[in-house]
Amino acid sequence: MKDSTLRIGDLARATGKTVRALRYYEELSLLDPSDHTVGGFRLYRPEDAKRVALIERLQELGFSLDRIREVVAAYRDGGTGENASVRLQHVLNSGLKDIRSRISRLQATEKELQEALNFLETCKSCQDRPGPEHCRECEKGDHRGRLPSLVDALVR
């Protein structure tokens, strides 16, 4: 084994991933061993830990493994810098659009949660049993018979 290479188990420990996950990344062409030992062990470069970290970060951002494969392929198979950058920009722009859409949905959900929490503050002093006959007609606080969507979905 070369001093500058890592066996798959070493890479797994260094990245916090399982050997199985790293093999799966290899199957998907997200990660390529630089070499194999005489005994067939996969050898990776220390820089491959950065690739694994990138895969993890993109997944946290909502990129599917298929989209991450597109990112890797756009760079790896681009041929020229110009072609690779155009392909990579296309894939990343698509991912950015998805992230912005998800952020918008999260912000709407945040607003709904805050409305529900504000609404429920008044409910703390309520002695009525929660239900449509009381909650939908409630005039306490600023309820005025209007339920936030999250609370309304619970009232039956």
Foldseek 3Di string as FASTA:
>chain_A
DDPQKDFLVRLCVVQVHDSVVVVVCVVLVLDDFPDADPVGTGIHGPCVSVSVVVVVVLVVLPDDSVLSSQLVCLQVVQPDPVSSVVSNCVSVVVSVVVSVVVVVVVVVVVVLVVQQVVVCVQVVPDPDDQACVDQQCDPTDPCNSPHRPVVVVVHD
